[in-house]
All heavy atoms as atom14 arrays in JSON, in Angstrom:
{
  "sequence": "TYPAATLENPPAVRKRVQLPLVHTGEPGTVNLTGQ",
  "atom14_mask": [
    [1, 1, 1, 1, 1, 1, 1, 0, 0, 0, 0, 0, 0, 0],
    [1, 1, 1, 1, 1, 1, 1, 1, 1, 1, 1, 1, 0, 0],
    [1, 1, 1, 1, 1, 1, 1, 0, 0, 0, 0, 0, 0, 0],
    [1, 1, 1, 1, 1, 0, 0, 0, 0, 0, 0, 0, 0, 0],
    [1, 1, 1, 1, 1, 0, 0, 0, 0, 0, 0, 0, 0, 0],
    [1, 1, 1, 1, 1, 1, 1, 0, 0, 0, 0, 0, 0, 0],
    [1, 1, 1, 1, 1, 1, 1, 1, 0, 0, 0, 0, 0, 0],
    [1, 1, 1, 1, 1, 1, 1, 1, 1, 0, 0, 0, 0, 0],
    [1, 1, 1, 1, 1, 1, 1, 1, 0, 0, 0, 0, 0, 0],
    [1, 1, 1, 1, 1, 1, 1, 0, 0, 0, 0, 0, 0, 0],
    [1, 1, 1, 1, 1, 1, 1, 0, 0, 0, 0, 0, 0, 0],
    [1, 1, 1, 1, 1, 0, 0, 0, 0, 0, 0, 0, 0, 0],
    [1, 1, 1, 1, 1, 1, 1, 0, 0, 0, 0, 0, 0, 0],
    [1, 1, 1, 1, 1, 1, 1, 1, 1, 1, 1, 0, 0, 0],
    [1, 1, 1, 1, 1, 1, 1, 1, 1, 0, 0, 0, 0, 0],
    [1, 1, 1, 1, 1, 1, 1, 1, 1, 1, 1, 0, 0, 0],
    [1, 1, 1, 1, 1, 1, 1, 0, 0, 0, 0, 0, 0, 0],
    [1, 1, 1, 1, 1, 1, 1, 1, 1, 0, 0, 0, 0, 0],
    [1, 1, 1, 1, 1, 1, 1, 1, 0, 0, 0, 0, 0, 0],
    [1, 1, 1, 1, 1, 1, 1, 0, 0, 0, 0, 0, 0, 0],
    [1, 1, 1, 1, 1, 1, 1, 1, 0, 0, 0, 0, 0, 0],
    [1, 1, 1, 1, 1, 1, 1, 0, 0, 0, 0, 0, 0, 0],
    [1, 1, 1, 1, 1, 1, 1, 1, 1, 1, 0, 0, 0, 0],
    [1, 1, 1, 1, 1, 1, 1, 0, 0, 0, 0, 0, 0, 0],
    [1, 1, 1, 1, 0, 0, 0, 0, 0, 0, 0, 0, 0, 0],
    [1, 1, 1, 1, 1, 1, 1, 1, 1, 0, 0, 0, 0, 0],
    [1, 1, 1, 1, 1, 1, 1, 0, 0, 0, 0, 0, 0, 0],
    [1, 1, 1, 1, 0, 0, 0, 0, 0, 0, 0, 0, 0, 0],
    [1, 1, 1, 1, 1, 1, 1, 0, 0, 0, 0, 0, 0, 0],
    [1, 1, 1, 1, 1, 1, 1, 0, 0, 0, 0, 0, 0, 0],
    [1, 1, 1, 1, 1, 1, 1, 1, 0, 0, 0, 0, 0, 0],
    [1, 1, 1, 1, 1, 1, 1, 1, 0, 0, 0, 0, 0, 0],
    [1, 1, 1, 1, 1, 1, 1, 0, 0, 0, 0, 0, 0, 0],
    [1, 1, 1, 1, 0, 0, 0, 0, 0, 0, 0, 0, 0, 0],
    [1, 1, 1, 1, 1, 1, 1, 1, 1, 0, 0, 0, 0, 0]
  ],
  "atom14_positions": [
    [[-34.96, -1.8, 16.2], [-33.8, -2.22, 15.43], [-34.07, -2.02, 13.98], [-35.22, -2.02, 13.56], [-33.44, -3.65, 15.73], [-34.49, -4.48, 15.35], [-33.11, -3.9, 17.21], [0.0, 0.0, 0.0], [0.0, 0.0, 0.0], [0.0, 0.0, 0.0], [0.0, 0.0, 0.0], [0.0, 0.0, 0.0], [0.0, 0.0, 0.0], [0.0, 0.0, 0.0]],
    [[-33.0, -1.95, 13.2], [-33.13, -1.84, 11.76], [-31.94, -2.55, 11.14], [-30.9, -2.71, 11.76], [-33.22, -0.4, 11.32], [-32.03, 0.45, 11.71], [-30.97, 0.62, 10.86], [-31.95, 1.01, 12.99], [-29.86, 1.37, 11.23], [-30.89, 1.77, 13.37], [-29.82, 1.92, 12.49], [-28.71, 2.64, 12.87], [0.0, 0.0, 0.0], [0.0, 0.0, 0.0]],
    [[-32.07, -2.94, 9.87], [-30.95, -3.63, 9.21], [-29.77, -2.66, 9.02], [-30.02, -1.46, 8.82], [-31.49, -4.07, 7.85], [-32.92, -3.67, 7.82], [-33.23, -2.87, 9.04], [0.0, 0.0, 0.0], [0.0, 0.0, 0.0], [0.0, 0.0, 0.0], [0.0, 0.0, 0.0], [0.0, 0.0, 0.0], [0.0, 0.0, 0.0], [0.0, 0.0, 0.0]],
    [[-28.58, -3.2, 9.11], [-27.39, -2.34, 8.9], [-27.41, -1.77, 7.48], [-27.73, -2.47, 6.53], [-26.14, -3.13, 9.16], [0.0, 0.0, 0.0], [0.0, 0.0, 0.0], [0.0, 0.0, 0.0], [0.0, 0.0, 0.0], [0.0, 0.0, 0.0], [0.0, 0.0, 0.0], [0.0, 0.0, 0.0], [0.0, 0.0, 0.0], [0.0, 0.0, 0.0]],
    [[-27.03, -0.53, 7.39], [-26.94, 0.14, 6.1], [-25.75, -0.42, 5.3], [-24.71, -0.73, 5.89], [-26.79, 1.64, 6.26], [0.0, 0.0, 0.0], [0.0, 0.0, 0.0], [0.0, 0.0, 0.0], [0.0, 0.0, 0.0], [0.0, 0.0, 0.0], [0.0, 0.0, 0.0], [0.0, 0.0, 0.0], [0.0, 0.0, 0.0], [0.0, 0.0, 0.0]],
    [[-25.91, -0.57, 4.0], [-24.79, -1.02, 3.15], [-24.15, 0.27, 2.55], [-24.83, 1.27, 2.25], [-25.28, -1.9, 2.0], [-26.26, -1.2, 1.26], [-25.9, -3.17, 2.56], [0.0, 0.0, 0.0], [0.0, 0.0, 0.0], [0.0, 0.0, 0.0], [0.0, 0.0, 0.0], [0.0, 0.0, 0.0], [0.0, 0.0, 0.0], [0.0, 0.0, 0.0]],
    [[-22.85, 0.22, 2.42], [-22.11, 1.35, 1.86], [-22.23, 1.3, 0.33], [-21.96, 0.29, -0.31], [-20.65, 1.26, 2.29], [-20.37, 1.35, 3.77], [-18.88, 1.15, 4.01], [-20.84, 2.68, 4.3], [0.0, 0.0, 0.0], [0.0, 0.0, 0.0], [0.0, 0.0, 0.0], [0.0, 0.0, 0.0], [0.0, 0.0, 0.0], [0.0, 0.0, 0.0]],
    [[-22.61, 2.44, -0.23], [-22.68, 2.5, -1.73], [-21.27, 2.52, -2.29], [-21.0, 1.91, -3.32], [-23.44, 3.78, -2.14], [-24.92, 3.69, -1.86], [-25.66, 4.91, -2.31], [-25.16, 5.62, -3.22], [-26.75, 5.17, -1.75], [0.0, 0.0, 0.0], [0.0, 0.0, 0.0], [0.0, 0.0, 0.0], [0.0, 0.0, 0.0], [0.0, 0.0, 0.0]],
    [[-20.39, 3.24, -1.65], [-18.98, 3.33, -2.09], [-18.12, 2.76, -0.99], [-17.73, 3.47, -0.04], [-18.57, 4.78, -2.37], [-19.37, 5.35, -3.51], [-19.68, 4.65, -4.47], [-19.76, 6.64, -3.38], [0.0, 0.0, 0.0], [0.0, 0.0, 0.0], [0.0, 0.0, 0.0], [0.0, 0.0, 0.0], [0.0, 0.0, 0.0], [0.0, 0.0, 0.0]],
    [[-17.76, 1.48, -1.03], [-16.94, 0.89, 0.01], [-15.56, 1.59, 0.08], [-15.11, 2.1, -0.91], [-16.79, -0.59, -0.38], [-17.19, -0.63, -1.78], [-18.07, 0.53, -2.08], [0.0, 0.0, 0.0], [0.0, 0.0, 0.0], [0.0, 0.0, 0.0], [0.0, 0.0, 0.0], [0.0, 0.0, 0.0], [0.0, 0.0, 0.0], [0.0, 0.0, 0.0]],
    [[-14.95, 1.58, 1.23], [-13.64, 2.26, 1.33], [-12.64, 1.62, 0.43], [-12.72, 0.43, 0.09], [-13.25, 2.08, 2.81], [-14.19, 1.03, 3.35], [-15.37, 0.99, 2.48], [0.0, 0.0, 0.0], [0.0, 0.0, 0.0], [0.0, 0.0, 0.0], [0.0, 0.0, 0.0], [0.0, 0.0, 0.0], [0.0, 0.0, 0.0], [0.0, 0.0, 0.0]],
    [[-11.67, 2.41, -0.03], [-10.63, 1.91, -0.91], [-9.84, 0.79, -0.23], [-9.62, 0.83, 0.96], [-9.69, 3.05, -1.32], [0.0, 0.0, 0.0], [0.0, 0.0, 0.0], [0.0, 0.0, 0.0], [0.0, 0.0, 0.0], [0.0, 0.0, 0.0], [0.0, 0.0, 0.0], [0.0, 0.0, 0.0], [0.0, 0.0, 0.0], [0.0, 0.0, 0.0]],
    [[-9.5, -0.16, -1.03], [-8.69, -1.3, -0.49], [-7.25, -0.86, -0.44], [-6.7, -0.38, -1.4], [-8.86, -2.52, -1.41], [-7.97, -3.65, -0.93], [-10.29, -2.96, -1.54], [0.0, 0.0, 0.0], [0.0, 0.0, 0.0], [0.0, 0.0, 0.0], [0.0, 0.0, 0.0], [0.0, 0.0, 0.0], [0.0, 0.0, 0.0], [0.0, 0.0, 0.0]],
    [[-6.66, -1.01, 0.74], [-5.26, -0.69, 0.91], [-4.42, -1.85, 0.46], [-4.72, -2.98, 0.73], [-4.95, -0.35, 2.35], [-5.79, 0.85, 2.87], [-5.59, 1.06, 4.3], [-4.31, 1.75, 4.45], [-3.78, 2.08, 5.61], [-4.4, 1.74, 6.72], [-2.62, 2.66, 5.67], [0.0, 0.0, 0.0], [0.0, 0.0, 0.0], [0.0, 0.0, 0.0]],
    [[-3.36, -1.55, -0.29], [-2.48, -2.64, -0.71], [-1.12, -2.51, -0.03], [-0.68, -1.42, 0.28], [-2.34, -2.66, -2.22], [-1.63, -1.5, -2.82], [-1.52, -1.67, -4.35], [-0.65, -0.59, -4.93], [-0.41, -0.77, -6.35], [0.0, 0.0, 0.0], [0.0, 0.0, 0.0], [0.0, 0.0, 0.0], [0.0, 0.0, 0.0], [0.0, 0.0, 0.0]],
    [[-0.52, -3.65, 0.15], [0.79, -3.68, 0.79], [1.88, -3.25, -0.2], [1.78, -3.46, -1.38], [1.1, -5.09, 1.32], [0.19, -5.49, 2.43], [0.54, -6.89, 2.87], [-0.32, -7.27, 3.97], [0.05, -7.3, 5.25], [1.3, -6.99, 5.57], [-0.78, -7.66, 6.17], [0.0, 0.0, 0.0], [0.0, 0.0, 0.0], [0.0, 0.0, 0.0]],
    [[2.91, -2.63, 0.39], [4.01, -2.22, -0.43], [5.04, -3.39, -0.47], [5.32, -3.99, 0.57], [4.72, -0.98, 0.2], [5.98, -0.66, -0.56], [3.75, 0.19, 0.22], [0.0, 0.0, 0.0], [0.0, 0.0, 0.0], [0.0, 0.0, 0.0], [0.0, 0.0, 0.0], [0.0, 0.0, 0.0], [0.0, 0.0, 0.0], [0.0, 0.0, 0.0]],
    [[5.46, -3.77, -1.65], [6.43, -4.83, -1.81], [7.82, -4.25, -1.71], [8.18, -3.3, -2.43], [6.23, -5.54, -3.14], [7.17, -6.68, -3.37], [7.01, -7.35, -4.69], [6.15, -6.96, -5.46], [7.78, -8.32, -4.97], [0.0, 0.0, 0.0], [0.0, 0.0, 0.0], [0.0, 0.0, 0.0], [0.0, 0.0, 0.0], [0.0, 0.0, 0.0]],
    [[8.64, -4.81, -0.85], [10.02, -4.35, -0.69], [10.92, -5.34, -1.41], [10.71, -6.52, -1.37], [10.36, -4.29, 0.77], [9.54, -3.25, 1.59], [9.88, -3.31, 3.05], [9.74, -1.86, 1.05], [0.0, 0.0, 0.0], [0.0, 0.0, 0.0], [0.0, 0.0, 0.0], [0.0, 0.0, 0.0], [0.0, 0.0, 0.0], [0.0, 0.0, 0.0]],
    [[12.01, -4.91, -2.02], [12.46, -3.52, -2.12], [11.6, -2.73, -3.13], [11.11, -3.3, -4.1], [13.88, -3.67, -2.59], [13.92, -4.92, -3.36], [12.91, -5.82, -2.7], [0.0, 0.0, 0.0], [0.0, 0.0, 0.0], [0.0, 0.0, 0.0], [0.0, 0.0, 0.0], [0.0, 0.0, 0.0], [0.0, 0.0, 0.0], [0.0, 0.0, 0.0]],
    [[11.49, -1.44, -2.87], [10.7, -0.62, -3.74], [11.43, -0.41, -5.08], [10.83, -0.22, -6.11], [10.41, 0.75, -3.09], [9.49, 0.68, -1.89], [9.45, 2.05, -1.22], [8.13, 0.23, -2.25], [0.0, 0.0, 0.0], [0.0, 0.0, 0.0], [0.0, 0.0, 0.0], [0.0, 0.0, 0.0], [0.0, 0.0, 0.0], [0.0, 0.0, 0.0]],
    [[12.74, -0.36, -4.99], [13.57, -0.18, -6.2], [14.4, -1.43, -6.38], [15.24, -1.76, -5.55], [14.49, 1.05, -6.04], [15.37, 1.23, -7.3], [13.68, 2.28, -5.81], [0.0, 0.0, 0.0], [0.0, 0.0, 0.0], [0.0, 0.0, 0.0], [0.0, 0.0, 0.0], [0.0, 0.0, 0.0], [0.0, 0.0, 0.0], [0.0, 0.0, 0.0]],
    [[14.14, -2.18, -7.45], [14.85, -3.42, -7.71], [16.2, -3.12, -8.4], [16.21, -2.44, -9.43], [14.01, -4.35, -8.59], [12.74, -4.74, -7.9], [12.68, -5.77, -6.97], [11.47, -4.26, -8.0], [11.47, -5.9, -6.52], [10.65, -5.01, -7.12], [0.0, 0.0, 0.0], [0.0, 0.0, 0.0], [0.0, 0.0, 0.0], [0.0, 0.0, 0.0]],
    [[17.29, -3.57, -7.84], [18.58, -3.4, -8.45], [19.36, -4.69, -8.3], [18.95, -5.57, -7.52], [19.42, -2.26, -7.75], [19.66, -2.65, -6.41], [18.66, -0.95, -7.76], [0.0, 0.0, 0.0], [0.0, 0.0, 0.0], [0.0, 0.0, 0.0], [0.0, 0.0, 0.0], [0.0, 0.0, 0.0], [0.0, 0.0, 0.0], [0.0, 0.0, 0.0]],
    [[20.48, -4.83, -8.99], [21.26, -6.02, -8.93], [22.1, -6.03, -7.66], [22.61, -7.09, -7.25], [0.0, 0.0, 0.0], [0.0, 0.0, 0.0], [0.0, 0.0, 0.0], [0.0, 0.0, 0.0], [0.0, 0.0, 0.0], [0.0, 0.0, 0.0], [0.0, 0.0, 0.0], [0.0, 0.0, 0.0], [0.0, 0.0, 0.0], [0.0, 0.0, 0.0]],
    [[22.3, -4.89, -7.03], [23.15, -4.78, -5.88], [22.33, -4.22, -4.7], [21.77, -3.13, -4.8], [24.31, -3.8, -6.13], [25.2, -4.17, -7.31], [26.08, -5.37, -6.97], [26.53, -5.45, -5.81], [26.3, -6.23, -7.86], [0.0, 0.0, 0.0], [0.0, 0.0, 0.0], [0.0, 0.0, 0.0], [0.0, 0.0, 0.0], [0.0, 0.0, 0.0]],
    [[22.29, -4.95, -3.61], [21.53, -4.39, -2.44], [22.26, -3.2, -1.87], [23.5, -3.16, -1.85], [21.52, -5.55, -1.44], [22.6, -6.49, -1.89], [22.84, -6.27, -3.35], [0.0, 0.0, 0.0], [0.0, 0.0, 0.0], [0.0, 0.0, 0.0], [0.0, 0.0, 0.0], [0.0, 0.0, 0.0], [0.0, 0.0, 0.0], [0.0, 0.0, 0.0]],
    [[21.53, -2.2, -1.52], [22.09, -0.98, -0.9], [22.7, -0.03, -1.85], [23.47, 0.85, -1.47], [0.0, 0.0, 0.0], [0.0, 0.0, 0.0], [0.0, 0.0, 0.0], [0.0, 0.0, 0.0], [0.0, 0.0, 0.0], [0.0, 0.0, 0.0], [0.0, 0.0, 0.0], [0.0, 0.0, 0.0], [0.0, 0.0, 0.0], [0.0, 0.0, 0.0]],
    [[22.43, -0.16, -3.16], [23.03, 0.74, -4.12], [22.22, 2.01, -4.33], [22.71, 2.94, -4.98], [23.21, 0.04, -5.48], [21.95, -0.36, -5.94], [24.19, -1.12, -5.36], [0.0, 0.0, 0.0], [0.0, 0.0, 0.0], [0.0, 0.0, 0.0], [0.0, 0.0, 0.0], [0.0, 0.0, 0.0], [0.0, 0.0, 0.0], [0.0, 0.0, 0.0]],
    [[21.01, 2.03, -3.87], [20.18, 3.22, -4.05], [19.93, 3.9, -2.7], [19.62, 3.26, -1.72], [18.81, 2.82, -4.66], [17.9, 4.01, -4.84], [18.99, 2.1, -5.98], [0.0, 0.0, 0.0], [0.0, 0.0, 0.0], [0.0, 0.0, 0.0], [0.0, 0.0, 0.0], [0.0, 0.0, 0.0], [0.0, 0.0, 0.0], [0.0, 0.0, 0.0]],
    [[20.16, 5.19, -2.66], [20.01, 5.95, -1.41], [18.53, 6.27, -1.27], [18.01, 7.18, -1.9], [20.85, 7.23, -1.45], [20.77, 7.99, -0.13], [20.37, 7.43, 0.89], [21.13, 9.25, -0.12], [0.0, 0.0, 0.0], [0.0, 0.0, 0.0], [0.0, 0.0, 0.0], [0.0, 0.0, 0.0], [0.0, 0.0, 0.0], [0.0, 0.0, 0.0]],
    [[17.82, 5.51, -0.42], [16.4, 5.69, -0.26], [16.14, 6.55, 0.99], [16.05, 6.06, 2.08], [15.71, 4.31, -0.14], [15.72, 3.45, -1.36], [15.04, 2.12, -1.09], [15.04, 4.13, -2.53], [0.0, 0.0, 0.0], [0.0, 0.0, 0.0], [0.0, 0.0, 0.0], [0.0, 0.0, 0.0], [0.0, 0.0, 0.0], [0.0, 0.0, 0.0]],
    [[15.99, 7.82, 0.78], [15.62, 8.73, 1.84], [14.08, 8.71, 1.95], [13.37, 8.21, 1.07], [16.08, 10.16, 1.53], [15.41, 10.61, 0.35], [17.6, 10.23, 1.36], [0.0, 0.0, 0.0], [0.0, 0.0, 0.0], [0.0, 0.0, 0.0], [0.0, 0.0, 0.0], [0.0, 0.0, 0.0], [0.0, 0.0, 0.0], [0.0, 0.0, 0.0]],
    [[13.6, 9.25, 3.03], [12.14, 9.35, 3.22], [11.5, 10.1, 2.07], [10.44, 9.73, 1.58], [0.0, 0.0, 0.0], [0.0, 0.0, 0.0], [0.0, 0.0, 0.0], [0.0, 0.0, 0.0], [0.0, 0.0, 0.0], [0.0, 0.0, 0.0], [0.0, 0.0, 0.0], [0.0, 0.0, 0.0], [0.0, 0.0, 0.0], [0.0, 0.0, 0.0]],
    [[12.14, 11.19, 1.64], [11.6, 11.98, 0.54], [11.56, 11.17, -0.77], [10.62, 11.21, -1.54], [12.34, 13.26, 0.31], [11.77, 14.09, -0.82], [12.21, 15.53, -0.79], [12.74, 16.01, 0.21], [12.01, 16.21, -1.87], [0.0, 0.0, 0.0], [0.0, 0.0, 0.0], [0.0, 0.0, 0.0], [0.0, 0.0, 0.0], [0.0, 0.0, 0.0]]
  ]
}
């Protein structure tokens, strides 16, 4: 057996997307297509 190797460059931390992505005064006023 041997000690577990430590990562020199840990994987990037993924962050959550906050919805709505586009803040407006009116819900549904921006046409958010996949593109």
